[in-house]
Amino acid sequence: MHTDSPRGARALLINGTVGVGKTTVAEAVGDLLAEAGTAHAVLDLDWLRQSWPAPPGDRFNFNMLLRNLRSIAGNYLDAGATRLVLAGVIEQQDERKQLADAVGVDLTVCWLRAELPVIHQRLAHRHDGEPEALRWHLDRSAELDGILSRVAVDDFTVDSTTGSVPDVAASVIRAADW
């Protein structure tokens, strides 16, 4: 936790398994913040780790994500953002601490959950015609859901199984006390 957050800026990570709707909900949170007149930025953390090959021992290129996030978060905060909405995955308490250090402001973590059959339907739609990608994502969704159930890196949980995206986003904002 950082008590010296510029202008009371805060960050929110929407964490969850693949296909749960992290990016979609983060974008909707951004829309609601814009409607409320709150200066913010929305970041899909997957894009900040995209490079190949990932170094040995860093399967999902987390260290590259952190390097990029330090720069980008600082730029948004310097430009006046008071809320950073992040969509991504952390699987360990240590990753949570590293992510908080990288954004440089207080970080709250939302675990976005949904029932696995619903997630699998979403993934089947997303990866229609991509059998290998679908198989990997189906396997990873169950694996990651189990990991997140055990590690408890979140401050609160919001269910995205049913309900509209704007309603889920509003629930996230309420639970984050934003």
Protein backbone atom coordinates (compact mmCIF):
# COMPACT_ATOMS: atom_id res chain seq x y z
CA MET A 1 0.00 0.00 0.00
CA HIS A 2 1.16 3.46 -0.88
CA THR A 3 -0.02 6.28 1.33
CA ASP A 4 1.65 8.91 -0.85
CA SER A 5 -0.64 8.29 -3.84
CA PRO A 6 -0.73 11.36 -6.08
CA ARG A 7 -4.04 13.21 -5.76
CA GLY A 8 -5.54 10.20 -3.99
CA ALA A 9 -5.10 8.07 -7.10
CA ARG A 10 -5.96 4.40 -6.82
CA ALA A 11 -5.75 1.32 -8.99
CA LEU A 12 -8.12 -1.60 -9.38
CA LEU A 13 -7.13 -4.94 -10.86
CA ILE A 14 -9.94 -7.03 -12.30
CA ASN A 15 -8.46 -10.50 -11.87
CA GLY A 16 -9.92 -13.80 -12.98
CA THR A 17 -9.60 -16.78 -15.22
CA VAL A 18 -9.51 -16.60 -19.01
CA GLY A 19 -12.91 -15.93 -20.55
CA VAL A 20 -14.52 -14.51 -17.41
CA GLY A 21 -14.85 -11.02 -18.92
CA LYS A 22 -12.02 -9.06 -17.29
CA THR A 23 -11.32 -6.78 -20.23
CA THR A 24 -14.99 -6.26 -21.08
CA VAL A 25 -15.84 -5.35 -17.48
CA ALA A 26 -12.75 -3.10 -17.17
CA GLU A 27 -13.87 -1.17 -20.25
CA ALA A 28 -17.38 -0.84 -18.79
CA VAL A 29 -15.89 0.39 -15.49
CA GLY A 30 -14.01 2.98 -17.54
CA ASP A 31 -17.26 4.03 -19.23
CA LEU A 32 -18.94 4.51 -15.84
CA LEU A 33 -15.97 6.50 -14.53
CA ALA A 34 -16.11 8.73 -17.62
CA GLU A 35 -19.85 9.30 -17.09
CA ALA A 36 -19.05 10.31 -13.50
CA GLY A 37 -16.33 12.71 -14.67
CA THR A 38 -13.50 10.74 -13.05
CA ALA A 39 -10.11 10.97 -14.78
CA HIS A 40 -8.94 7.44 -15.43
CA ALA A 41 -7.16 4.97 -17.68
CA VAL A 42 -8.08 1.39 -18.57
CA LEU A 43 -5.25 -1.05 -19.27
CA ASP A 44 -5.41 -4.61 -20.53
CA LEU A 45 -2.32 -6.10 -18.91
CA ASP A 46 -2.09 -8.90 -21.48
CA TRP A 47 -0.87 -6.38 -24.04
CA LEU A 48 1.93 -5.26 -21.72
CA ARG A 49 3.40 -8.76 -21.59
CA GLN A 50 3.17 -9.56 -25.31
CA SER A 51 6.60 -10.43 -26.58
CA TRP A 52 8.20 -13.65 -27.67
CA PRO A 53 9.91 -15.64 -26.43
CA ALA A 54 9.12 -15.35 -22.74
CA PRO A 55 12.28 -15.75 -20.67
CA PRO A 56 12.93 -19.08 -18.94
CA GLY A 57 11.09 -19.27 -15.62
CA ASP A 58 8.62 -16.51 -16.56
CA ARG A 59 5.94 -18.44 -18.48
CA PHE A 60 3.59 -15.48 -18.89
CA ASN A 61 6.24 -12.75 -19.17
CA PHE A 62 5.22 -11.10 -15.90
CA ASN A 63 8.49 -9.19 -15.53
CA MET A 64 7.98 -7.48 -18.91
CA LEU A 65 4.44 -6.59 -17.83
CA LEU A 66 5.82 -4.95 -14.67
CA ARG A 67 8.47 -2.99 -16.59
CA ASN A 68 5.90 -1.66 -19.03
CA LEU A 69 3.30 -0.98 -16.34
CA ARG A 70 5.71 1.18 -14.31
CA SER A 71 6.16 3.51 -17.26
CA ILE A 72 2.57 3.56 -18.46
CA ALA A 73 0.95 3.95 -15.03
CA GLY A 74 3.32 6.82 -14.24
CA ASN A 75 2.44 8.53 -17.52
CA TYR A 76 -1.30 8.30 -16.86
CA LEU A 77 -0.93 9.51 -13.28
CA ASP A 78 1.27 12.41 -14.39
CA ALA A 79 -1.42 13.32 -16.95
CA GLY A 80 -4.04 13.55 -14.20
CA ALA A 81 -5.65 10.10 -13.99
CA THR A 82 -6.93 9.39 -10.50
CA ARG A 83 -8.13 5.84 -11.23
CA LEU A 84 -6.27 3.07 -13.04
CA VAL A 85 -8.46 0.16 -14.09
CA LEU A 86 -6.41 -2.93 -14.91
CA ALA A 87 -7.60 -6.17 -16.50
CA GLY A 88 -5.25 -9.08 -15.98
CA VAL A 89 -4.23 -12.12 -13.99
CA ILE A 90 -2.19 -12.53 -10.85
CA GLU A 91 -1.82 -15.93 -9.26
CA GLN A 92 0.26 -15.20 -6.13
CA GLN A 93 0.48 -12.72 -3.27
CA ASP A 94 3.99 -11.80 -4.40
CA GLU A 95 2.63 -10.87 -7.84
CA ARG A 96 0.04 -8.66 -6.17
CA LYS A 97 2.78 -6.82 -4.26
CA GLN A 98 4.89 -6.42 -7.40
CA LEU A 99 1.90 -5.12 -9.37
CA ALA A 100 1.08 -2.61 -6.61
CA ASP A 101 4.69 -1.43 -6.60
CA ALA A 102 4.60 -1.05 -10.39
CA VAL A 103 1.47 1.15 -10.41
CA GLY A 104 2.76 3.16 -7.47
CA VAL A 105 -0.66 3.77 -5.91
CA ASP A 106 -3.05 1.82 -3.69
CA LEU A 107 -4.17 -1.34 -5.45
CA THR A 108 -7.48 -3.11 -4.88
CA VAL A 109 -8.06 -6.53 -6.44
CA CYS A 110 -11.44 -7.76 -7.66
CA TRP A 111 -11.83 -11.45 -8.40
CA LEU A 112 -14.27 -11.61 -11.28
CA ARG A 113 -15.86 -15.06 -11.24
CA ALA A 114 -18.31 -16.98 -13.35
CA GLU A 115 -19.47 -20.57 -13.51
CA LEU A 116 -17.09 -22.64 -15.63
CA PRO A 117 -19.79 -23.86 -18.07
CA VAL A 118 -20.59 -20.20 -18.85
CA ILE A 119 -16.89 -19.39 -19.27
CA HIS A 120 -16.51 -22.38 -21.58
CA GLN A 121 -19.42 -21.12 -23.72
CA ARG A 122 -17.78 -17.70 -23.96
CA LEU A 123 -14.47 -19.26 -24.92
CA ALA A 124 -16.12 -21.48 -27.56
CA HIS A 125 -17.62 -18.36 -29.12
CA ARG A 126 -14.35 -16.41 -28.92
CA HIS A 127 -12.28 -19.24 -30.42
CA ASP A 128 -14.77 -20.50 -33.00
CA GLY A 129 -12.78 -22.21 -35.75
CA GLU A 130 -9.60 -22.30 -33.60
CA PRO A 131 -9.65 -25.78 -32.04
CA GLU A 132 -6.11 -25.67 -30.62
CA ALA A 133 -6.58 -22.23 -29.06
CA LEU A 134 -9.97 -23.28 -27.68
CA ARG A 135 -8.54 -26.44 -26.12
CA TRP A 136 -5.72 -24.47 -24.45
CA HIS A 137 -8.12 -21.80 -23.11
CA LEU A 138 -10.62 -24.38 -21.83
CA ASP A 139 -7.84 -26.21 -19.97
CA ARG A 140 -6.35 -22.96 -18.65
CA SER A 141 -9.72 -21.61 -17.47
CA ALA A 142 -10.28 -24.57 -15.16
CA GLU A 143 -6.63 -24.60 -14.00
CA LEU A 144 -6.61 -20.88 -13.26
CA ASP A 145 -10.01 -20.92 -11.54
CA GLY A 146 -8.64 -23.56 -9.16
CA ILE A 147 -5.48 -21.57 -8.52
CA LEU A 148 -7.42 -18.37 -7.78
CA SER A 149 -9.73 -20.28 -5.42
CA ARG A 150 -6.71 -21.32 -3.36
CA VAL A 151 -4.48 -18.23 -3.35
CA ALA A 152 -6.97 -15.54 -2.25
CA VAL A 153 -5.17 -12.51 -3.72
CA ASP A 154 -8.44 -10.58 -3.98
CA ASP A 155 -10.12 -7.99 -1.78
CA PHE A 156 -13.61 -8.84 -3.02
CA THR A 157 -15.41 -11.03 -5.55
CA VAL A 158 -18.01 -10.12 -8.16
CA ASP A 159 -19.92 -12.76 -10.12
CA SER A 160 -20.24 -12.26 -13.88
CA THR A 161 -22.17 -15.44 -14.65
CA THR A 162 -25.39 -13.51 -15.25
CA GLY A 163 -26.28 -9.85 -15.44
CA SER A 164 -25.41 -7.25 -18.01
CA VAL A 165 -21.86 -5.98 -18.39
CA PRO A 166 -22.85 -2.49 -17.14
CA ASP A 167 -24.48 -4.05 -14.06
CA VAL A 168 -21.39 -6.15 -13.33
CA ALA A 169 -19.19 -3.06 -13.80
CA ALA A 170 -21.40 -1.07 -11.41
CA SER A 171 -21.07 -3.90 -8.85
CA VAL A 172 -17.29 -3.75 -9.20
CA ILE A 173 -17.25 0.01 -8.65
CA ARG A 174 -19.51 -0.28 -5.59
CA ALA A 175 -17.41 -3.08 -4.08
CA ALA A 176 -14.20 -1.12 -4.71
CA ASP A 177 -15.80 1.89 -2.98
CA TRP A 178 -15.11 4.09 -5.98
